[in-house]
Amino acid sequence: MTTSGIATSHEAAGGVLPAEAANELLDVQDLCDYLKMSRATIQRWCRIGYLPAAKVGKEYRVRRIDLEEWYERHLKTQHA
């Protein structure tokens, strides 16, 4: 588990995340911490649809399960 409380793909592998954890909404700062990327990059990726994000008010949110699935797809394409 990372310091932000986000399960890594290795921790999630081999099991299903509990429904509460899977539906947890991550904000831009959580995404920055998890992906080790700048706020501007995360916001741009959300805006252009590269990340599976929804805008809630003025902020983007991503469900944890959607981020895990996105991450796994991108790992596979990098190693294919």
N, C-alpha and C. Protein backbone atom coordinates (compact mmCIF):
# COMPACT_ATOMS: atom_id res chain seq x y z
N MET A 1 0.85 -1.17 0.00
CA MET A 1 0.00 0.00 0.00
C MET A 1 0.90 1.23 0.00
N THR A 2 0.59 2.19 -0.84
CA THR A 2 1.39 3.41 -0.90
C THR A 2 1.03 4.32 0.27
N THR A 3 1.83 5.38 0.44
CA THR A 3 1.57 6.31 1.54
C THR A 3 0.24 7.02 1.38
N SER A 4 -0.26 7.14 0.15
CA SER A 4 -1.55 7.80 -0.05
C SER A 4 -2.71 6.83 0.17
N GLY A 5 -2.39 5.57 0.48
CA GLY A 5 -3.44 4.59 0.74
C GLY A 5 -3.96 3.91 -0.52
N ILE A 6 -3.29 4.08 -1.64
CA ILE A 6 -3.72 3.49 -2.90
C ILE A 6 -3.01 2.16 -3.06
N ALA A 7 -3.77 1.10 -3.26
CA ALA A 7 -3.18 -0.22 -3.46
C ALA A 7 -2.46 -0.24 -4.79
N THR A 8 -1.26 -0.81 -4.81
CA THR A 8 -0.54 -0.94 -6.06
C THR A 8 -1.13 -2.09 -6.86
N SER A 9 -0.77 -2.15 -8.14
CA SER A 9 -1.30 -3.22 -8.97
C SER A 9 -0.85 -4.58 -8.46
N HIS A 10 0.34 -4.64 -7.86
CA HIS A 10 0.82 -5.90 -7.31
C HIS A 10 -0.03 -6.33 -6.12
N GLU A 11 -0.45 -5.38 -5.30
CA GLU A 11 -1.29 -5.73 -4.16
C GLU A 11 -2.68 -6.13 -4.59
N ALA A 12 -3.16 -5.52 -5.67
CA ALA A 12 -4.50 -5.82 -6.15
C ALA A 12 -4.53 -7.10 -6.98
N ALA A 13 -3.38 -7.52 -7.50
CA ALA A 13 -3.33 -8.71 -8.34
C ALA A 13 -3.67 -9.95 -7.53
N GLY A 14 -4.39 -10.82 -8.17
CA GLY A 14 -4.73 -12.08 -7.52
C GLY A 14 -5.94 -11.99 -6.62
N GLY A 15 -6.53 -10.84 -6.52
CA GLY A 15 -7.70 -10.68 -5.68
C GLY A 15 -8.53 -9.51 -6.17
N VAL A 16 -9.73 -9.47 -5.68
CA VAL A 16 -10.64 -8.40 -6.05
C VAL A 16 -10.65 -7.38 -4.94
N LEU A 17 -10.57 -6.11 -5.31
CA LEU A 17 -10.66 -5.06 -4.30
C LEU A 17 -12.05 -5.07 -3.69
N PRO A 18 -12.15 -4.82 -2.40
CA PRO A 18 -13.48 -4.69 -1.79
C PRO A 18 -14.26 -3.59 -2.50
N ALA A 19 -15.58 -3.71 -2.56
CA ALA A 19 -16.41 -2.75 -3.29
C ALA A 19 -16.16 -1.32 -2.83
N GLU A 20 -16.00 -1.11 -1.54
CA GLU A 20 -15.77 0.25 -1.04
C GLU A 20 -14.46 0.81 -1.58
N ALA A 21 -13.40 0.01 -1.57
CA ALA A 21 -12.10 0.46 -2.06
C ALA A 21 -12.13 0.66 -3.57
N ALA A 22 -12.79 -0.22 -4.30
CA ALA A 22 -12.85 -0.14 -5.75
C ALA A 22 -13.57 1.13 -6.20
N ASN A 23 -14.58 1.53 -5.46
CA ASN A 23 -15.37 2.71 -5.83
C ASN A 23 -14.85 4.00 -5.20
N GLU A 24 -13.77 3.91 -4.44
CA GLU A 24 -13.20 5.11 -3.84
C GLU A 24 -12.81 6.09 -4.93
N LEU A 25 -13.13 7.36 -4.73
CA LEU A 25 -12.78 8.38 -5.69
C LEU A 25 -11.45 9.02 -5.32
N LEU A 26 -10.54 9.03 -6.26
CA LEU A 26 -9.22 9.63 -6.07
C LEU A 26 -9.22 11.02 -6.70
N ASP A 27 -8.64 11.98 -6.01
CA ASP A 27 -8.55 13.32 -6.58
C ASP A 27 -7.22 13.49 -7.31
N VAL A 28 -7.01 14.66 -7.87
CA VAL A 28 -5.82 14.91 -8.67
C VAL A 28 -4.55 14.72 -7.84
N GLN A 29 -4.55 15.16 -6.60
CA GLN A 29 -3.37 14.99 -5.76
C GLN A 29 -3.06 13.51 -5.53
N ASP A 30 -4.09 12.70 -5.29
CA ASP A 30 -3.89 11.25 -5.15
C ASP A 30 -3.25 10.67 -6.41
N LEU A 31 -3.73 11.12 -7.57
CA LEU A 31 -3.19 10.63 -8.84
C LEU A 31 -1.74 11.06 -9.03
N CYS A 32 -1.44 12.30 -8.65
CA CYS A 32 -0.05 12.79 -8.73
C CYS A 32 0.87 11.93 -7.88
N ASP A 33 0.44 11.63 -6.67
CA ASP A 33 1.25 10.83 -5.75
C ASP A 33 1.44 9.41 -6.29
N TYR A 34 0.38 8.83 -6.79
CA TYR A 34 0.41 7.45 -7.25
C TYR A 34 1.24 7.29 -8.53
N LEU A 35 1.02 8.19 -9.49
CA LEU A 35 1.68 8.08 -10.79
C LEU A 35 3.01 8.83 -10.84
N LYS A 36 3.34 9.56 -9.76
CA LYS A 36 4.59 10.32 -9.69
C LYS A 36 4.70 11.29 -10.87
N MET A 37 3.62 12.03 -11.09
CA MET A 37 3.56 12.98 -12.19
C MET A 37 3.09 14.33 -11.68
N SER A 38 3.31 15.36 -12.48
CA SER A 38 2.92 16.70 -12.07
C SER A 38 1.41 16.88 -12.13
N ARG A 39 0.94 17.85 -11.37
CA ARG A 39 -0.48 18.19 -11.33
C ARG A 39 -0.96 18.62 -12.73
N ALA A 40 -0.14 19.41 -13.43
CA ALA A 40 -0.52 19.89 -14.76
C ALA A 40 -0.70 18.72 -15.73
N THR A 41 0.18 17.74 -15.66
CA THR A 41 0.07 16.57 -16.55
C THR A 41 -1.19 15.77 -16.23
N ILE A 42 -1.44 15.52 -14.96
CA ILE A 42 -2.63 14.76 -14.56
C ILE A 42 -3.89 15.48 -15.00
N GLN A 43 -3.96 16.77 -14.77
CA GLN A 43 -5.14 17.54 -15.18
C GLN A 43 -5.33 17.52 -16.69
N ARG A 44 -4.23 17.62 -17.43
CA ARG A 44 -4.32 17.57 -18.89
C ARG A 44 -4.81 16.20 -19.35
N TRP A 45 -4.26 15.14 -18.77
CA TRP A 45 -4.69 13.78 -19.14
C TRP A 45 -6.16 13.56 -18.83
N CYS A 46 -6.63 14.12 -17.72
CA CYS A 46 -8.05 14.02 -17.38
C CYS A 46 -8.89 14.78 -18.40
N ARG A 47 -8.46 15.99 -18.72
CA ARG A 47 -9.21 16.86 -19.63
C ARG A 47 -9.33 16.25 -21.02
N ILE A 48 -8.25 15.62 -21.53
CA ILE A 48 -8.28 15.07 -22.89
C ILE A 48 -8.82 13.65 -22.94
N GLY A 49 -9.12 13.07 -21.77
CA GLY A 49 -9.71 11.74 -21.75
C GLY A 49 -8.71 10.60 -21.71
N TYR A 50 -7.44 10.90 -21.52
CA TYR A 50 -6.43 9.84 -21.44
C TYR A 50 -6.59 9.02 -20.17
N LEU A 51 -6.97 9.68 -19.08
CA LEU A 51 -7.31 8.98 -17.83
C LEU A 51 -8.82 8.87 -17.73
N PRO A 52 -9.32 7.80 -17.11
CA PRO A 52 -10.77 7.60 -16.98
C PRO A 52 -11.35 8.47 -15.86
N ALA A 53 -11.41 9.76 -16.10
CA ALA A 53 -11.80 10.72 -15.06
C ALA A 53 -13.17 11.32 -15.33
N ALA A 54 -13.78 11.78 -14.26
CA ALA A 54 -15.03 12.54 -14.34
C ALA A 54 -14.81 13.84 -13.57
N LYS A 55 -15.41 14.89 -14.06
CA LYS A 55 -15.27 16.17 -13.37
C LYS A 55 -16.40 16.31 -12.37
N VAL A 56 -16.03 16.53 -11.13
CA VAL A 56 -17.00 16.73 -10.05
C VAL A 56 -16.77 18.15 -9.55
N GLY A 57 -17.70 19.03 -9.87
CA GLY A 57 -17.49 20.44 -9.57
C GLY A 57 -16.36 20.95 -10.44
N LYS A 58 -15.32 21.47 -9.81
CA LYS A 58 -14.17 22.00 -10.55
C LYS A 58 -12.99 21.04 -10.55
N GLU A 59 -13.14 19.89 -9.92
CA GLU A 59 -12.04 18.93 -9.78
C GLU A 59 -12.34 17.63 -10.51
N TYR A 60 -11.29 16.99 -10.97
CA TYR A 60 -11.42 15.67 -11.59
C TYR A 60 -11.32 14.60 -10.51
N ARG A 61 -12.05 13.52 -10.74
CA ARG A 61 -12.01 12.36 -9.85
C ARG A 61 -11.91 11.10 -10.71
N VAL A 62 -11.21 10.10 -10.17
CA VAL A 62 -11.07 8.81 -10.85
C VAL A 62 -11.36 7.72 -9.82
N ARG A 63 -12.22 6.77 -10.20
CA ARG A 63 -12.45 5.63 -9.30
C ARG A 63 -11.18 4.80 -9.25
N ARG A 64 -10.86 4.31 -8.07
CA ARG A 64 -9.63 3.52 -7.90
C ARG A 64 -9.60 2.33 -8.85
N ILE A 65 -10.70 1.62 -8.99
CA ILE A 65 -10.73 0.44 -9.85
C ILE A 65 -10.47 0.82 -11.31
N ASP A 66 -10.98 1.97 -11.74
CA ASP A 66 -10.74 2.42 -13.11
C ASP A 66 -9.27 2.76 -13.32
N LEU A 67 -8.65 3.37 -12.31
CA LEU A 67 -7.22 3.68 -12.40
C LEU A 67 -6.40 2.41 -12.46
N GLU A 68 -6.73 1.42 -11.63
CA GLU A 68 -6.01 0.14 -11.64
C GLU A 68 -6.12 -0.54 -13.01
N GLU A 69 -7.33 -0.54 -13.59
CA GLU A 69 -7.53 -1.16 -14.90
C GLU A 69 -6.76 -0.40 -15.98
N TRP A 70 -6.79 0.93 -15.92
CA TRP A 70 -6.05 1.76 -16.87
C TRP A 70 -4.56 1.46 -16.77
N TYR A 71 -4.06 1.39 -15.55
CA TYR A 71 -2.64 1.14 -15.30
C TYR A 71 -2.22 -0.23 -15.84
N GLU A 72 -3.02 -1.24 -15.59
CA GLU A 72 -2.71 -2.60 -16.07
C GLU A 72 -2.69 -2.64 -17.60
N ARG A 73 -3.65 -1.97 -18.24
CA ARG A 73 -3.68 -1.93 -19.72
C ARG A 73 -2.41 -1.28 -20.25
N HIS A 74 -1.97 -0.21 -19.61
CA HIS A 74 -0.79 0.50 -20.09
C HIS A 74 0.50 -0.26 -19.81
N LEU A 75 0.54 -1.02 -18.74
CA LEU A 75 1.70 -1.88 -18.48
C LEU A 75 1.83 -2.94 -19.57
N LYS A 76 0.69 -3.52 -19.95
CA LYS A 76 0.71 -4.57 -20.98
C LYS A 76 1.15 -4.02 -22.32
N THR A 77 0.71 -2.81 -22.68
CA THR A 77 1.08 -2.25 -23.98
C THR A 77 2.55 -1.87 -24.01
N GLN A 78 3.13 -1.50 -22.87
CA GLN A 78 4.55 -1.15 -22.81
C GLN A 78 5.43 -2.38 -22.93
N HIS A 79 4.94 -3.51 -22.45
CA HIS A 79 5.75 -4.74 -22.44
C HIS A 79 5.38 -5.69 -23.55
N ALA A 80 4.52 -5.27 -24.45
CA ALA A 80 4.09 -6.16 -25.54
C ALA A 80 5.10 -6.15 -26.67
